[in-house]
Amino acid sequence: MMSFREKCRTRPNNMALLVLPHKKRQFFKMDQSSLFGAEKEAHNKFTTQVGKLRILLNKISKENFDKVQHQLMNDFDYNPSLLQELMKIIFMKSTTETAYLDLYIKLCVGFFKKFDDPEHTEMNFKKLLLTRCQRQFYKMLQREQNNRRERRASLEEALIKNDLEQDFSKQMLAVFD
């Protein structure tokens, strides 16, 4: 039986750069003893709402899209933090589950129309999603630039040692870079 870590080693590099919401749950699992009364109730309400959002997004399909979209739009009392979590979940699902990409796009368009507050960017779904995409793009770009620098350094090292004509893959990398 293959372990979870072994399965993850074969995933593409760009998947490794994603900031997945389920990896940040430790933030939400605060010490319950440090919360009092209303804070504890608000924390519990937030975590249950995030759980319900995840459940609804996991149920999405072409057959029940309208029903799920209606539930997502109307059954939740959105505040900036809940809208941010929804955006993170949709971003993660749309980048990993490409079979349902068209449904996530339709869902985003609905949220663009509903949450279009130009004055308050924390309640503007389009601005939240655009900011997330930009951060992800620059993170991946920086990683690619670092990889190219490393390859160039190894090519220069190979040129100094005069190993380049022996290694065809390094020649191809030189052409590529």
N, C-alpha and C. Protein backbone atom coordinates (compact mmCIF):
# COMPACT_ATOMS: atom_id res chain seq x y z
N MET A 1 0.84 -1.18 0.00
CA MET A 1 0.00 0.00 0.00
C MET A 1 0.89 1.24 0.00
N MET A 2 0.58 2.18 -0.89
CA MET A 2 1.37 3.39 -1.03
C MET A 2 0.90 4.43 -0.01
N SER A 3 1.83 5.04 0.68
CA SER A 3 1.46 6.04 1.68
C SER A 3 1.08 7.35 0.99
N PHE A 4 0.47 8.24 1.75
CA PHE A 4 0.03 9.53 1.23
C PHE A 4 1.22 10.36 0.75
N ARG A 5 2.32 10.31 1.48
CA ARG A 5 3.50 11.08 1.09
C ARG A 5 4.07 10.60 -0.23
N GLU A 6 4.07 9.29 -0.44
CA GLU A 6 4.58 8.75 -1.69
C GLU A 6 3.70 9.16 -2.86
N LYS A 7 2.39 9.23 -2.64
CA LYS A 7 1.48 9.66 -3.70
C LYS A 7 1.73 11.12 -4.05
N CYS A 8 2.00 11.95 -3.05
CA CYS A 8 2.20 13.38 -3.27
C CYS A 8 3.50 13.70 -3.99
N ARG A 9 4.45 12.80 -3.95
CA ARG A 9 5.73 13.05 -4.61
C ARG A 9 5.58 13.10 -6.12
N THR A 10 4.56 12.46 -6.65
CA THR A 10 4.39 12.41 -8.09
C THR A 10 3.52 13.54 -8.62
N ARG A 11 2.99 14.39 -7.75
CA ARG A 11 2.15 15.47 -8.25
C ARG A 11 3.00 16.56 -8.89
N PRO A 12 2.41 17.33 -9.78
CA PRO A 12 3.17 18.37 -10.48
C PRO A 12 3.72 19.41 -9.52
N ASN A 13 4.79 20.09 -9.95
CA ASN A 13 5.40 21.11 -9.10
C ASN A 13 4.46 22.24 -8.76
N ASN A 14 3.63 22.66 -9.71
CA ASN A 14 2.74 23.78 -9.44
C ASN A 14 1.72 23.45 -8.35
N MET A 15 1.39 22.18 -8.18
CA MET A 15 0.47 21.79 -7.12
C MET A 15 1.12 21.95 -5.76
N ALA A 16 2.42 21.76 -5.70
CA ALA A 16 3.13 21.88 -4.43
C ALA A 16 3.15 23.33 -3.95
N LEU A 17 2.99 24.27 -4.87
CA LEU A 17 3.03 25.68 -4.49
C LEU A 17 1.69 26.20 -3.99
N LEU A 18 0.63 25.46 -4.23
CA LEU A 18 -0.68 25.93 -3.80
C LEU A 18 -0.76 26.00 -2.29
N VAL A 19 -1.37 27.05 -1.82
CA VAL A 19 -1.63 27.16 -0.39
C VAL A 19 -3.03 26.59 -0.19
N LEU A 20 -3.10 25.38 0.30
CA LEU A 20 -4.37 24.69 0.41
C LEU A 20 -5.04 25.02 1.73
N PRO A 21 -6.32 25.36 1.70
CA PRO A 21 -7.01 25.74 2.94
C PRO A 21 -6.99 24.66 4.00
N HIS A 22 -7.05 23.38 3.61
CA HIS A 22 -7.09 22.34 4.63
C HIS A 22 -5.77 22.22 5.38
N LYS A 23 -4.69 22.78 4.83
CA LYS A 23 -3.41 22.76 5.53
C LYS A 23 -3.31 23.86 6.57
N LYS A 24 -4.24 24.82 6.52
CA LYS A 24 -4.20 25.92 7.45
C LYS A 24 -5.22 25.77 8.57
N ARG A 25 -5.80 24.63 8.72
CA ARG A 25 -6.83 24.44 9.73
C ARG A 25 -6.31 24.63 11.14
N GLN A 26 -5.02 24.51 11.34
CA GLN A 26 -4.47 24.70 12.68
C GLN A 26 -4.79 26.08 13.21
N PHE A 27 -4.90 27.06 12.30
CA PHE A 27 -5.26 28.41 12.71
C PHE A 27 -6.64 28.44 13.33
N PHE A 28 -7.55 27.66 12.78
CA PHE A 28 -8.92 27.65 13.27
C PHE A 28 -9.10 26.75 14.48
N LYS A 29 -8.17 25.85 14.70
CA LYS A 29 -8.27 24.96 15.85
C LYS A 29 -7.55 25.57 17.04
N MET A 30 -8.00 26.74 17.40
CA MET A 30 -7.38 27.42 18.54
C MET A 30 -7.73 26.68 19.82
N ASP A 31 -7.00 27.00 20.85
CA ASP A 31 -7.27 26.44 22.17
C ASP A 31 -8.62 26.96 22.63
N GLN A 32 -9.59 26.08 22.73
CA GLN A 32 -10.95 26.48 23.09
C GLN A 32 -11.03 27.08 24.49
N SER A 33 -10.07 26.76 25.36
CA SER A 33 -10.11 27.30 26.71
C SER A 33 -9.76 28.78 26.73
N SER A 34 -9.06 29.28 25.68
CA SER A 34 -8.70 30.69 25.64
C SER A 34 -9.85 31.56 25.13
N LEU A 35 -10.88 30.95 24.56
CA LEU A 35 -12.03 31.70 24.07
C LEU A 35 -13.13 31.73 25.12
N PHE A 36 -13.80 32.86 25.20
CA PHE A 36 -14.85 33.02 26.18
C PHE A 36 -16.15 33.42 25.51
N GLY A 37 -17.24 32.87 25.97
CA GLY A 37 -18.60 33.26 25.59
C GLY A 37 -18.82 33.52 24.13
N ALA A 38 -19.00 34.79 23.78
CA ALA A 38 -19.35 35.18 22.42
C ALA A 38 -18.23 34.84 21.44
N GLU A 39 -16.98 34.96 21.87
CA GLU A 39 -15.87 34.61 20.98
C GLU A 39 -15.90 33.13 20.62
N LYS A 40 -16.16 32.31 21.61
CA LYS A 40 -16.22 30.87 21.38
C LYS A 40 -17.39 30.53 20.46
N GLU A 41 -18.51 31.17 20.69
CA GLU A 41 -19.69 30.93 19.85
C GLU A 41 -19.43 31.37 18.41
N ALA A 42 -18.80 32.54 18.23
CA ALA A 42 -18.49 33.04 16.89
C ALA A 42 -17.50 32.12 16.19
N HIS A 43 -16.51 31.64 16.93
CA HIS A 43 -15.53 30.71 16.36
C HIS A 43 -16.19 29.42 15.92
N ASN A 44 -17.05 28.88 16.75
CA ASN A 44 -17.76 27.64 16.40
C ASN A 44 -18.67 27.84 15.20
N LYS A 45 -19.35 28.98 15.15
CA LYS A 45 -20.24 29.28 14.02
C LYS A 45 -19.44 29.38 12.72
N PHE A 46 -18.29 30.04 12.80
CA PHE A 46 -17.44 30.19 11.63
C PHE A 46 -16.95 28.84 11.13
N THR A 47 -16.46 28.01 12.02
CA THR A 47 -15.93 26.71 11.59
C THR A 47 -17.03 25.80 11.05
N THR A 48 -18.23 25.87 11.61
CA THR A 48 -19.33 25.06 11.06
C THR A 48 -19.75 25.58 9.70
N GLN A 49 -19.74 26.90 9.51
CA GLN A 49 -20.09 27.45 8.20
C GLN A 49 -19.06 27.06 7.14
N VAL A 50 -17.79 27.10 7.50
CA VAL A 50 -16.74 26.69 6.56
C VAL A 50 -16.92 25.21 6.21
N GLY A 51 -17.25 24.40 7.20
CA GLY A 51 -17.50 22.99 6.94
C GLY A 51 -18.68 22.78 5.99
N LYS A 52 -19.74 23.55 6.20
CA LYS A 52 -20.91 23.45 5.31
C LYS A 52 -20.56 23.90 3.89
N LEU A 53 -19.73 24.94 3.77
CA LEU A 53 -19.30 25.39 2.45
C LEU A 53 -18.53 24.27 1.73
N ARG A 54 -17.64 23.63 2.45
CA ARG A 54 -16.86 22.52 1.86
C ARG A 54 -17.77 21.39 1.40
N ILE A 55 -18.75 21.06 2.24
CA ILE A 55 -19.67 19.98 1.90
C ILE A 55 -20.46 20.31 0.64
N LEU A 56 -20.97 21.55 0.56
CA LEU A 56 -21.73 21.95 -0.62
C LEU A 56 -20.86 21.95 -1.88
N LEU A 57 -19.64 22.45 -1.76
CA LEU A 57 -18.77 22.47 -2.93
C LEU A 57 -18.34 21.07 -3.35
N ASN A 58 -18.28 20.14 -2.40
CA ASN A 58 -17.97 18.75 -2.76
C ASN A 58 -19.14 18.08 -3.47
N LYS A 59 -20.35 18.57 -3.26
CA LYS A 59 -21.54 17.97 -3.89
C LYS A 59 -21.82 18.51 -5.28
N ILE A 60 -21.09 19.51 -5.70
CA ILE A 60 -21.42 20.19 -6.96
C ILE A 60 -21.24 19.26 -8.15
N SER A 61 -22.24 19.31 -9.05
CA SER A 61 -22.18 18.57 -10.32
C SER A 61 -23.05 19.32 -11.32
N LYS A 62 -23.02 18.88 -12.57
CA LYS A 62 -23.81 19.56 -13.60
C LYS A 62 -25.31 19.43 -13.34
N GLU A 63 -25.70 18.31 -12.75
CA GLU A 63 -27.12 18.06 -12.51
C GLU A 63 -27.68 18.95 -11.39
N ASN A 64 -26.90 19.16 -10.35
CA ASN A 64 -27.43 19.90 -9.21
C ASN A 64 -26.77 21.26 -9.02
N PHE A 65 -26.17 21.81 -10.08
CA PHE A 65 -25.43 23.07 -9.97
C PHE A 65 -26.32 24.21 -9.49
N ASP A 66 -27.50 24.36 -10.11
CA ASP A 66 -28.37 25.48 -9.75
C ASP A 66 -28.80 25.41 -8.28
N LYS A 67 -29.10 24.23 -7.82
CA LYS A 67 -29.50 24.05 -6.42
C LYS A 67 -28.36 24.40 -5.46
N VAL A 68 -27.17 23.89 -5.76
CA VAL A 68 -26.01 24.16 -4.89
C VAL A 68 -25.64 25.64 -4.93
N GLN A 69 -25.69 26.24 -6.12
CA GLN A 69 -25.38 27.66 -6.23
C GLN A 69 -26.37 28.50 -5.43
N HIS A 70 -27.64 28.16 -5.51
CA HIS A 70 -28.65 28.88 -4.74
C HIS A 70 -28.39 28.74 -3.24
N GLN A 71 -28.04 27.55 -2.79
CA GLN A 71 -27.72 27.35 -1.37
C GLN A 71 -26.50 28.15 -0.95
N LEU A 72 -25.47 28.15 -1.80
CA LEU A 72 -24.25 28.90 -1.47
C LEU A 72 -24.52 30.41 -1.42
N MET A 73 -25.36 30.88 -2.31
CA MET A 73 -25.64 32.32 -2.37
C MET A 73 -26.54 32.79 -1.23
N ASN A 74 -27.50 31.97 -0.83
CA ASN A 74 -28.54 32.47 0.06
C ASN A 74 -28.53 31.90 1.48
N ASP A 75 -27.92 30.77 1.70
CA ASP A 75 -28.01 30.13 3.01
C ASP A 75 -26.94 30.57 4.00
N PHE A 76 -26.04 31.44 3.59
CA PHE A 76 -24.95 31.84 4.47
C PHE A 76 -24.96 33.34 4.69
N ASP A 77 -24.58 33.73 5.90
CA ASP A 77 -24.43 35.14 6.25
C ASP A 77 -22.95 35.46 6.07
N TYR A 78 -22.59 35.98 4.89
CA TYR A 78 -21.18 36.19 4.56
C TYR A 78 -20.62 37.43 5.24
N ASN A 79 -19.46 37.24 5.84
CA ASN A 79 -18.66 38.33 6.36
C ASN A 79 -17.32 38.25 5.64
N PRO A 80 -16.41 39.21 5.81
CA PRO A 80 -15.15 39.16 5.06
C PRO A 80 -14.34 37.88 5.26
N SER A 81 -14.28 37.37 6.47
CA SER A 81 -13.47 36.17 6.70
C SER A 81 -14.11 34.93 6.05
N LEU A 82 -15.43 34.83 6.09
CA LEU A 82 -16.10 33.68 5.46
C LEU A 82 -15.99 33.76 3.93
N LEU A 83 -16.10 34.97 3.39
CA LEU A 83 -15.96 35.15 1.95
C LEU A 83 -14.52 34.82 1.52
N GLN A 84 -13.55 35.19 2.32
CA GLN A 84 -12.15 34.86 2.04
C GLN A 84 -11.94 33.35 2.04
N GLU A 85 -12.51 32.65 3.00
CA GLU A 85 -12.39 31.19 3.06
C GLU A 85 -13.07 30.54 1.86
N LEU A 86 -14.24 31.05 1.48
CA LEU A 86 -14.94 30.51 0.30
C LEU A 86 -14.08 30.68 -0.94
N MET A 87 -13.46 31.85 -1.08
CA MET A 87 -12.60 32.10 -2.23
C MET A 87 -11.42 31.13 -2.23
N LYS A 88 -10.82 30.89 -1.07
CA LYS A 88 -9.68 29.96 -0.99
C LYS A 88 -10.09 28.55 -1.39
N ILE A 89 -11.25 28.13 -0.92
CA ILE A 89 -11.72 26.78 -1.23
C ILE A 89 -12.01 26.64 -2.72
N ILE A 90 -12.70 27.63 -3.29
CA ILE A 90 -13.01 27.59 -4.72
C ILE A 90 -11.72 27.62 -5.55
N PHE A 91 -10.76 28.44 -5.14
CA PHE A 91 -9.49 28.51 -5.86
C PHE A 91 -8.77 27.16 -5.82
N MET A 92 -8.72 26.56 -4.66
CA MET A 92 -8.06 25.27 -4.52
C MET A 92 -8.76 24.20 -5.35
N LYS A 93 -10.08 24.16 -5.28
CA LYS A 93 -10.83 23.15 -6.02
C LYS A 93 -10.72 23.37 -7.53
N SER A 94 -10.76 24.62 -7.97
CA SER A 94 -10.71 24.87 -9.41
C SER A 94 -9.33 24.57 -9.98
N THR A 95 -8.29 24.69 -9.18
CA THR A 95 -6.95 24.38 -9.69
C THR A 95 -6.61 22.91 -9.58
N THR A 96 -7.32 22.16 -8.76
CA THR A 96 -7.01 20.74 -8.61
C THR A 96 -8.03 19.84 -9.28
N GLU A 97 -9.28 20.24 -9.34
CA GLU A 97 -10.34 19.42 -9.93
C GLU A 97 -10.76 20.03 -11.26
N THR A 98 -9.98 19.80 -12.29
CA THR A 98 -10.23 20.45 -13.58
C THR A 98 -11.47 19.92 -14.29
N ALA A 99 -11.97 18.77 -13.88
CA ALA A 99 -13.18 18.24 -14.51
C ALA A 99 -14.39 19.13 -14.23
N TYR A 100 -14.36 19.82 -13.11
CA TYR A 100 -15.48 20.68 -12.72
C TYR A 100 -15.15 22.16 -12.89
N LEU A 101 -14.13 22.47 -13.67
CA LEU A 101 -13.69 23.85 -13.82
C LEU A 101 -14.78 24.77 -14.35
N ASP A 102 -15.54 24.30 -15.33
CA ASP A 102 -16.61 25.14 -15.88
C ASP A 102 -17.66 25.48 -14.83
N LEU A 103 -17.94 24.55 -13.92
CA LEU A 103 -18.90 24.82 -12.86
C LEU A 103 -18.36 25.83 -11.86
N TYR A 104 -17.08 25.72 -11.54
CA TYR A 104 -16.48 26.69 -10.62
C TYR A 104 -16.43 28.08 -11.24
N ILE A 105 -16.24 28.15 -12.55
CA ILE A 105 -16.25 29.45 -13.23
C ILE A 105 -17.64 30.07 -13.15
N LYS A 106 -18.67 29.27 -13.41
CA LYS A 106 -20.05 29.78 -13.30
C LYS A 106 -20.34 30.24 -11.88
N LEU A 107 -19.86 29.49 -10.93
CA LEU A 107 -20.05 29.84 -9.52
C LEU A 107 -19.35 31.16 -9.20
N CYS A 108 -18.14 31.33 -9.69
CA CYS A 108 -17.41 32.58 -9.46
C CYS A 108 -18.13 33.76 -10.10
N VAL A 109 -18.67 33.57 -11.28
CA VAL A 109 -19.41 34.65 -11.94
C VAL A 109 -20.60 35.07 -11.08
N GLY A 110 -21.30 34.11 -10.51
CA GLY A 110 -22.41 34.44 -9.61
C GLY A 110 -21.95 35.21 -8.39
N PHE A 111 -20.81 34.81 -7.81
CA PHE A 111 -20.30 35.54 -6.66
C PHE A 111 -19.74 36.91 -7.06
N PHE A 112 -19.24 37.04 -8.30
CA PHE A 112 -18.79 38.36 -8.77
C PHE A 112 -19.96 39.33 -8.78
N LYS A 113 -21.12 38.85 -9.23
CA LYS A 113 -22.30 39.71 -9.30
C LYS A 113 -22.85 40.03 -7.92
N LYS A 114 -22.84 39.06 -7.02
CA LYS A 114 -23.41 39.27 -5.70
C LYS A 114 -22.51 40.13 -4.81
N PHE A 115 -21.23 39.85 -4.83
CA PHE A 115 -20.29 40.58 -3.97
C PHE A 115 -19.42 41.47 -4.84
N ASP A 116 -19.96 42.64 -5.20
CA ASP A 116 -19.26 43.58 -6.05
C ASP A 116 -19.26 44.94 -5.35
N ASP A 117 -18.50 45.04 -4.26
CA ASP A 117 -18.42 46.27 -3.49
C ASP A 117 -17.10 46.96 -3.81
N PRO A 118 -17.12 48.01 -4.65
CA PRO A 118 -15.86 48.64 -5.05
C PRO A 118 -15.15 49.36 -3.90
N GLU A 119 -15.89 49.78 -2.89
CA GLU A 119 -15.28 50.53 -1.79
C GLU A 119 -14.60 49.62 -0.77
N HIS A 120 -15.18 48.45 -0.52
CA HIS A 120 -14.64 47.52 0.47
C HIS A 120 -14.10 46.29 -0.24
N THR A 121 -12.79 46.24 -0.39
CA THR A 121 -12.19 45.13 -1.14
C THR A 121 -12.33 43.80 -0.41
N GLU A 122 -12.53 43.82 0.91
CA GLU A 122 -12.69 42.56 1.62
C GLU A 122 -14.03 41.89 1.34
N MET A 123 -14.99 42.65 0.76
CA MET A 123 -16.28 42.07 0.38
C MET A 123 -16.47 42.08 -1.14
N ASN A 124 -15.38 42.21 -1.88
CA ASN A 124 -15.41 42.18 -3.33
C ASN A 124 -14.78 40.86 -3.77
N PHE A 125 -15.61 39.90 -4.17
CA PHE A 125 -15.15 38.55 -4.50
C PHE A 125 -14.16 38.57 -5.66
N LYS A 126 -14.41 39.39 -6.66
CA LYS A 126 -13.52 39.45 -7.82
C LYS A 126 -12.13 39.94 -7.41
N LYS A 127 -12.09 40.94 -6.56
CA LYS A 127 -10.80 41.48 -6.10
C LYS A 127 -10.06 40.46 -5.24
N LEU A 128 -10.79 39.74 -4.37
CA LEU A 128 -10.17 38.70 -3.55
C LEU A 128 -9.55 37.61 -4.42
N LEU A 129 -10.30 37.16 -5.42
CA LEU A 129 -9.82 36.09 -6.30
C LEU A 129 -8.65 36.56 -7.16
N LEU A 130 -8.73 37.78 -7.66
CA LEU A 130 -7.65 38.32 -8.48
C LEU A 130 -6.36 38.45 -7.66
N THR A 131 -6.48 38.92 -6.44
CA THR A 131 -5.31 39.03 -5.56
C THR A 131 -4.69 37.67 -5.30
N ARG A 132 -5.53 36.68 -5.08
CA ARG A 132 -5.03 35.32 -4.84
C ARG A 132 -4.31 34.77 -6.07
N CYS A 133 -4.89 34.99 -7.24
CA CYS A 133 -4.26 34.52 -8.48
C CYS A 133 -2.92 35.21 -8.72
N GLN A 134 -2.85 36.50 -8.44
CA GLN A 134 -1.59 37.22 -8.61
C GLN A 134 -0.51 36.68 -7.68
N ARG A 135 -0.87 36.47 -6.42
CA ARG A 135 0.10 35.93 -5.46
C ARG A 135 0.60 34.57 -5.91
N GLN A 136 -0.31 33.72 -6.38
CA GLN A 136 0.08 32.39 -6.83
C GLN A 136 0.97 32.47 -8.06
N PHE A 137 0.63 33.37 -8.97
CA PHE A 137 1.43 33.53 -10.19
C PHE A 137 2.85 33.95 -9.85
N TYR A 138 3.00 34.95 -9.00
CA TYR A 138 4.34 35.43 -8.66
C TYR A 138 5.13 34.41 -7.84
N LYS A 139 4.44 33.62 -7.05
CA LYS A 139 5.13 32.56 -6.31
C LYS A 139 5.67 31.52 -7.29
N MET A 140 4.87 31.13 -8.27
CA MET A 140 5.32 30.15 -9.26
C MET A 140 6.41 30.74 -10.16
N LEU A 141 6.28 32.03 -10.51
CA LEU A 141 7.28 32.69 -11.33
C LEU A 141 8.62 32.74 -10.61
N GLN A 142 8.61 33.06 -9.34
CA GLN A 142 9.85 33.12 -8.58
C GLN A 142 10.50 31.74 -8.49
N ARG A 143 9.69 30.73 -8.32
CA ARG A 143 10.25 29.37 -8.26
C ARG A 143 10.89 28.99 -9.60
N GLU A 144 10.22 29.33 -10.69
CA GLU A 144 10.77 29.04 -12.02
C GLU A 144 12.06 29.81 -12.24
N GLN A 145 12.12 31.06 -11.82
CA GLN A 145 13.35 31.85 -11.98
C GLN A 145 14.49 31.25 -11.15
N ASN A 146 14.18 30.79 -9.96
CA ASN A 146 15.21 30.15 -9.13
C ASN A 146 15.71 28.87 -9.78
N ASN A 147 14.80 28.09 -10.36
CA ASN A 147 15.20 26.86 -11.06
C ASN A 147 16.11 27.17 -12.25
N ARG A 148 15.76 28.23 -12.99
CA ARG A 148 16.60 28.62 -14.14
C ARG A 148 17.98 29.07 -13.69
N ARG A 149 18.05 29.82 -12.58
CA ARG A 149 19.35 30.25 -12.06
C ARG A 149 20.20 29.04 -11.68
N GLU A 150 19.57 28.06 -11.04
CA GLU A 150 20.30 26.85 -10.65
C GLU A 150 20.80 26.09 -11.89
N ARG A 151 19.94 26.00 -12.92
CA ARG A 151 20.36 25.31 -14.14
C ARG A 151 21.52 26.04 -14.81
N ARG A 152 21.43 27.37 -14.87
CA ARG A 152 22.51 28.14 -15.49
C ARG A 152 23.82 27.96 -14.73
N ALA A 153 23.71 27.96 -13.41
CA ALA A 153 24.92 27.77 -12.60
C ALA A 153 25.52 26.39 -12.87
N SER A 154 24.69 25.37 -12.98
CA SER A 154 25.22 24.02 -13.25
C SER A 154 25.78 23.95 -14.66
N LEU A 155 25.19 24.67 -15.62
CA LEU A 155 25.72 24.68 -16.98
C LEU A 155 27.07 25.38 -17.03
N GLU A 156 27.18 26.50 -16.33
CA GLU A 156 28.45 27.21 -16.29
C GLU A 156 29.53 26.34 -15.63
N GLU A 157 29.12 25.63 -14.61
CA GLU A 157 30.04 24.71 -13.93
C GLU A 157 30.49 23.61 -14.90
N ALA A 158 29.53 23.10 -15.69
CA ALA A 158 29.86 22.04 -16.65
C ALA A 158 30.77 22.57 -17.76
N LEU A 159 30.55 23.84 -18.16
CA LEU A 159 31.42 24.44 -19.17
C LEU A 159 32.84 24.57 -18.66
N ILE A 160 32.96 24.94 -17.39
CA ILE A 160 34.30 25.07 -16.80
C ILE A 160 34.99 23.72 -16.79
N LYS A 161 34.25 22.68 -16.43
CA LYS A 161 34.83 21.33 -16.37
C LYS A 161 34.91 20.68 -17.75
N ASN A 162 34.27 21.34 -18.75
CA ASN A 162 34.25 20.83 -20.12
C ASN A 162 33.50 19.50 -20.23
N ASP A 163 32.43 19.35 -19.47
CA ASP A 163 31.60 18.15 -19.50
C ASP A 163 30.39 18.31 -20.42
N LEU A 164 30.19 19.47 -20.96
CA LEU A 164 28.94 19.75 -21.67
C LEU A 164 28.77 18.89 -22.91
N GLU A 165 29.82 18.65 -23.64
CA GLU A 165 29.65 17.87 -24.86
C GLU A 165 29.36 16.41 -24.58
N GLN A 166 29.60 15.95 -23.37
CA GLN A 166 29.32 14.57 -23.03
C GLN A 166 27.87 14.36 -22.60
N ASP A 167 27.26 15.37 -22.03
CA ASP A 167 25.91 15.21 -21.47
C ASP A 167 24.90 15.90 -22.38
N PHE A 168 24.11 15.12 -23.11
CA PHE A 168 23.14 15.67 -24.06
C PHE A 168 22.03 16.44 -23.35
N SER A 169 21.59 15.97 -22.18
CA SER A 169 20.51 16.66 -21.48
C SER A 169 20.94 18.06 -21.07
N LYS A 170 22.19 18.22 -20.69
CA LYS A 170 22.68 19.56 -20.33
C LYS A 170 22.75 20.45 -21.56
N GLN A 171 23.07 19.87 -22.72
CA GLN A 171 23.08 20.65 -23.95
C GLN A 171 21.67 21.16 -24.25
N MET A 172 20.69 20.31 -24.06
CA MET A 172 19.31 20.70 -24.34
C MET A 172 18.85 21.78 -23.36
N LEU A 173 19.25 21.66 -22.11
CA LEU A 173 18.92 22.69 -21.13
C LEU A 173 19.56 24.02 -21.51
N ALA A 174 20.76 23.98 -22.03
CA ALA A 174 21.44 25.20 -22.47
C ALA A 174 20.65 25.85 -23.59
N VAL A 175 20.17 25.05 -24.54
CA VAL A 175 19.36 25.58 -25.63
C VAL A 175 18.04 26.15 -25.10
N PHE A 176 17.44 25.44 -24.18
CA PHE A 176 16.16 25.87 -23.61
C PHE A 176 16.30 27.20 -22.86
N ASP A 177 17.34 27.30 -22.05
CA ASP A 177 17.53 28.53 -21.28
C ASP A 177 18.00 29.66 -22.16
